Amino acid sequence: MQAWGFELGRSYPRNVRHRISANPRNRNETCILSQVNKVTGFQRLQAGRNLELGRHFNAQAQRIQQRLDVAGGRLSETVINELRLVYNFNVRSFVRAIVQHHETERDPALFRSPVQRHTELLFSQLLFSYKVNPQTVLFIGYSDNHVGIDAIDLRQTGRTFFAKLGYAWIK
C-alpha cells in the first residue's frame, strides 16, 4: 500500500517563495524533510519533563533537537525549547502560559538560495479558557513573537490580543 500526501507552503514575505508538491508521504512520520529523497541522514532527539502539583497545576518542559544532514554535510540544526504552565481553576476554566524558543543554524553553502546562517524565534502566549457548557468555549488571550537573525538581536515582530467563542451546532 502506498500513502500519498499533499503539501502547500508559503514563505514570508509572500513574493519570495511558493511551493506546491504532491509526493508519497508516510502519514506516521510528522517530519516532511526526513522523507525527501535527497536526505542521507536525519537525527531527531527529544527530551521532556512533566510536573503535576495536585489536581490544578501542570508544568511541561520539552527540548527538541533536529539535525539534517545531506550529501554535502550538515544542512541545518534546530533546537526548540518549550515551557508550558497550566493552572486549572475547575473543570470549566483554566489559564495557560507558553514560552517557546527556536534556534536554527544553517550552512548557507548547501542551500540553492540565500539563507541566514543563524535564526532565532521566541514565541509566548497567555490564554484563559472558560467552558460555558459542553458545546461552548470562550478563549481570551495574548501572544507575541520575536525574531532574530545573524547580526540582529531578538526584536518583537508581532503582538496579538484575541478572543474566540467556539460552539457546536446540535440538531
Protein backbone atom coordinates (compact mmCIF):
# COMPACT_ATOMS: atom_id res chain seq x y z
CA MET A 1 0.00 0.00 0.00
CA GLN A 2 1.31 3.44 -0.93
CA ALA A 3 0.35 6.56 1.07
CA TRP A 4 0.26 9.93 -0.66
CA GLY A 5 0.12 13.38 0.82
CA PHE A 6 -0.22 16.93 -0.39
CA GLU A 7 1.83 19.88 0.76
CA LEU A 8 1.34 23.63 0.38
CA GLY A 9 3.94 26.09 1.56
CA ARG A 10 4.30 29.85 1.82
CA SER A 11 7.33 31.82 2.86
CA TYR A 12 7.27 35.32 4.31
CA PRO A 13 7.09 37.73 2.58
CA ARG A 14 4.70 36.23 0.09
CA ASN A 15 6.64 37.26 -3.01
CA VAL A 16 9.74 35.26 -2.03
CA ARG A 17 8.80 31.61 -2.50
CA HIS A 18 5.77 29.41 -3.02
CA ARG A 19 5.86 25.63 -3.05
CA ILE A 20 3.22 23.09 -4.01
CA SER A 21 4.05 19.41 -4.25
CA ALA A 22 2.43 16.01 -4.36
CA ASN A 23 4.77 13.32 -3.05
CA PRO A 24 4.45 9.97 -1.35
CA ARG A 25 4.25 10.60 2.38
CA ASN A 26 4.43 8.32 5.39
CA ARG A 27 1.46 9.51 7.47
CA ASN A 28 3.03 8.10 10.64
CA GLU A 29 6.07 10.43 10.24
CA THR A 30 5.49 14.09 11.14
CA CYS A 31 8.73 15.37 9.61
CA ILE A 32 8.46 16.18 5.91
CA LEU A 33 12.19 16.82 5.46
CA SER A 34 13.09 13.30 6.53
CA GLN A 35 11.00 11.92 3.65
CA VAL A 36 12.73 13.87 0.86
CA ASN A 37 14.78 11.62 -1.45
CA LYS A 38 17.98 13.71 -1.22
CA VAL A 39 18.28 13.38 2.55
CA THR A 40 21.06 10.97 3.56
CA GLY A 41 20.72 11.25 7.33
CA PHE A 42 18.27 12.63 9.82
CA GLN A 43 18.54 12.55 13.57
CA ARG A 44 15.84 13.69 15.97
CA LEU A 45 16.29 13.72 19.73
CA GLN A 46 13.54 14.61 22.18
CA ALA A 47 13.55 15.10 25.90
CA GLY A 48 10.67 16.32 28.01
CA ARG A 49 9.55 16.69 31.59
CA ASN A 50 6.08 16.90 33.09
CA LEU A 51 5.38 18.12 36.62
CA GLU A 52 1.94 17.90 38.20
CA LEU A 53 1.32 19.61 41.52
CA GLY A 54 -2.05 18.48 42.79
CA ARG A 55 -5.08 18.48 40.53
CA HIS A 56 -4.72 22.11 39.49
CA PHE A 57 -1.17 22.85 38.31
CA ASN A 58 0.74 21.23 35.45
CA ALA A 59 4.15 22.23 34.05
CA GLN A 60 5.74 20.73 30.95
CA ALA A 61 9.25 21.36 29.65
CA GLN A 62 10.34 19.98 26.31
CA ARG A 63 13.51 20.16 24.23
CA ILE A 64 13.58 19.04 20.61
CA GLN A 65 16.83 18.88 18.67
CA GLN A 66 16.80 18.23 14.93
CA ARG A 67 19.83 17.75 12.70
CA LEU A 68 19.53 17.43 8.95
CA ASP A 69 22.49 16.01 7.03
CA VAL A 70 22.74 15.91 3.23
CA ALA A 71 25.45 14.68 0.88
CA GLY A 72 27.49 17.91 1.30
CA GLY A 73 27.37 17.99 5.10
CA ARG A 74 25.08 19.30 7.83
CA LEU A 75 22.33 21.36 6.20
CA SER A 76 20.82 22.63 9.46
CA GLU A 77 20.47 22.06 13.16
CA THR A 78 17.47 23.31 15.12
CA VAL A 79 16.90 23.35 18.86
CA ILE A 80 13.41 24.06 20.21
CA ASN A 81 12.85 24.64 23.93
CA GLU A 82 9.31 24.94 25.24
CA LEU A 83 7.78 25.55 28.65
CA ARG A 84 4.02 25.19 29.27
CA LEU A 85 2.36 26.10 32.54
CA VAL A 86 -1.33 25.28 33.07
CA TYR A 87 -3.47 26.10 36.08
CA ASN A 88 -6.96 24.55 36.16
CA PHE A 89 -9.31 26.61 38.32
CA ASN A 90 -12.03 23.98 37.97
CA VAL A 91 -13.46 21.64 35.32
CA ARG A 92 -14.69 24.61 33.26
CA SER A 93 -11.78 27.06 33.30
CA PHE A 94 -8.00 27.21 33.08
CA VAL A 95 -5.16 29.59 32.31
CA ARG A 96 -2.14 28.54 30.23
CA ALA A 97 1.22 30.18 29.54
CA ILE A 98 3.58 29.02 26.78
CA VAL A 99 7.12 30.18 26.05
CA GLN A 100 8.85 28.63 23.04
CA HIS A 101 12.37 29.37 21.79
CA HIS A 102 13.65 28.15 18.38
CA GLU A 103 17.28 28.46 17.36
CA THR A 104 18.48 27.29 13.93
CA GLU A 105 21.99 27.11 12.49
CA ARG A 106 22.39 26.54 8.73
CA ASP A 107 25.25 26.10 6.29
CA PRO A 108 24.42 28.69 3.57
CA ALA A 109 26.80 26.98 1.11
CA LEU A 110 24.47 23.94 0.96
CA PHE A 111 21.35 25.95 0.01
CA ARG A 112 20.37 26.91 -3.55
CA SER A 113 19.01 30.29 -2.49
CA PRO A 114 20.41 32.70 0.11
CA VAL A 115 19.56 31.88 3.74
CA GLN A 116 20.57 33.31 7.09
CA ARG A 117 23.24 31.30 8.90
CA HIS A 118 21.53 31.83 12.26
CA THR A 119 17.88 32.50 13.09
CA GLU A 120 16.22 32.75 16.46
CA LEU A 121 12.49 32.85 17.23
CA LEU A 122 10.75 33.47 20.55
CA PHE A 123 7.01 32.89 20.97
CA SER A 124 4.94 33.48 24.09
CA GLN A 125 1.23 33.09 24.75
CA LEU A 126 -1.12 33.59 27.68
CA LEU A 127 -4.58 32.00 27.35
CA PHE A 128 -7.68 31.91 29.53
CA SER A 129 -10.37 29.35 28.69
CA TYR A 130 -13.89 29.09 30.08
CA LYS A 131 -16.30 26.32 29.10
CA VAL A 132 -19.81 27.78 29.21
CA ASN A 133 -21.38 24.39 28.52
CA PRO A 134 -20.15 21.17 26.85
CA GLN A 135 -20.61 22.72 23.38
CA THR A 136 -19.45 26.31 24.02
CA VAL A 137 -15.98 27.56 24.99
CA LEU A 138 -14.67 31.11 25.39
CA PHE A 139 -10.96 31.83 24.86
CA ILE A 140 -9.27 35.12 25.72
CA GLY A 141 -5.55 35.57 25.26
CA TYR A 142 -2.39 37.36 24.29
CA SER A 143 0.57 36.23 22.18
CA ASP A 144 3.71 37.80 20.82
CA ASN A 145 6.58 36.87 18.52
CA HIS A 146 10.23 37.90 18.44
CA VAL A 147 12.68 37.22 15.60
CA GLY A 148 16.46 37.50 15.44
CA ILE A 149 18.85 36.83 12.55
CA ASP A 150 22.63 36.80 12.08
CA ALA A 151 23.55 40.36 13.09
CA ILE A 152 20.22 41.44 14.61
CA ASP A 153 19.18 40.53 18.16
CA LEU A 154 15.66 39.39 19.01
CA ARG A 155 13.08 42.04 18.14
CA GLN A 156 9.34 41.92 18.59
CA THR A 157 7.59 41.32 15.25
CA GLY A 158 4.03 40.75 16.34
CA ARG A 159 1.63 41.17 19.23
CA THR A 160 -1.93 39.85 19.34
CA PHE A 161 -4.81 40.16 21.77
CA PHE A 162 -7.57 37.75 20.88
CA ALA A 163 -10.96 36.42 21.92
CA LYS A 164 -12.73 33.43 20.45
CA LEU A 165 -16.07 31.84 21.07
CA GLY A 166 -16.28 28.21 19.96
CA TYR A 167 -19.59 26.42 19.77
CA ALA A 168 -21.13 23.31 18.27
CA TRP A 169 -24.46 23.16 16.47
CA ILE A 170 -26.64 20.26 17.59
CA LYS A 171 -29.65 19.20 15.55
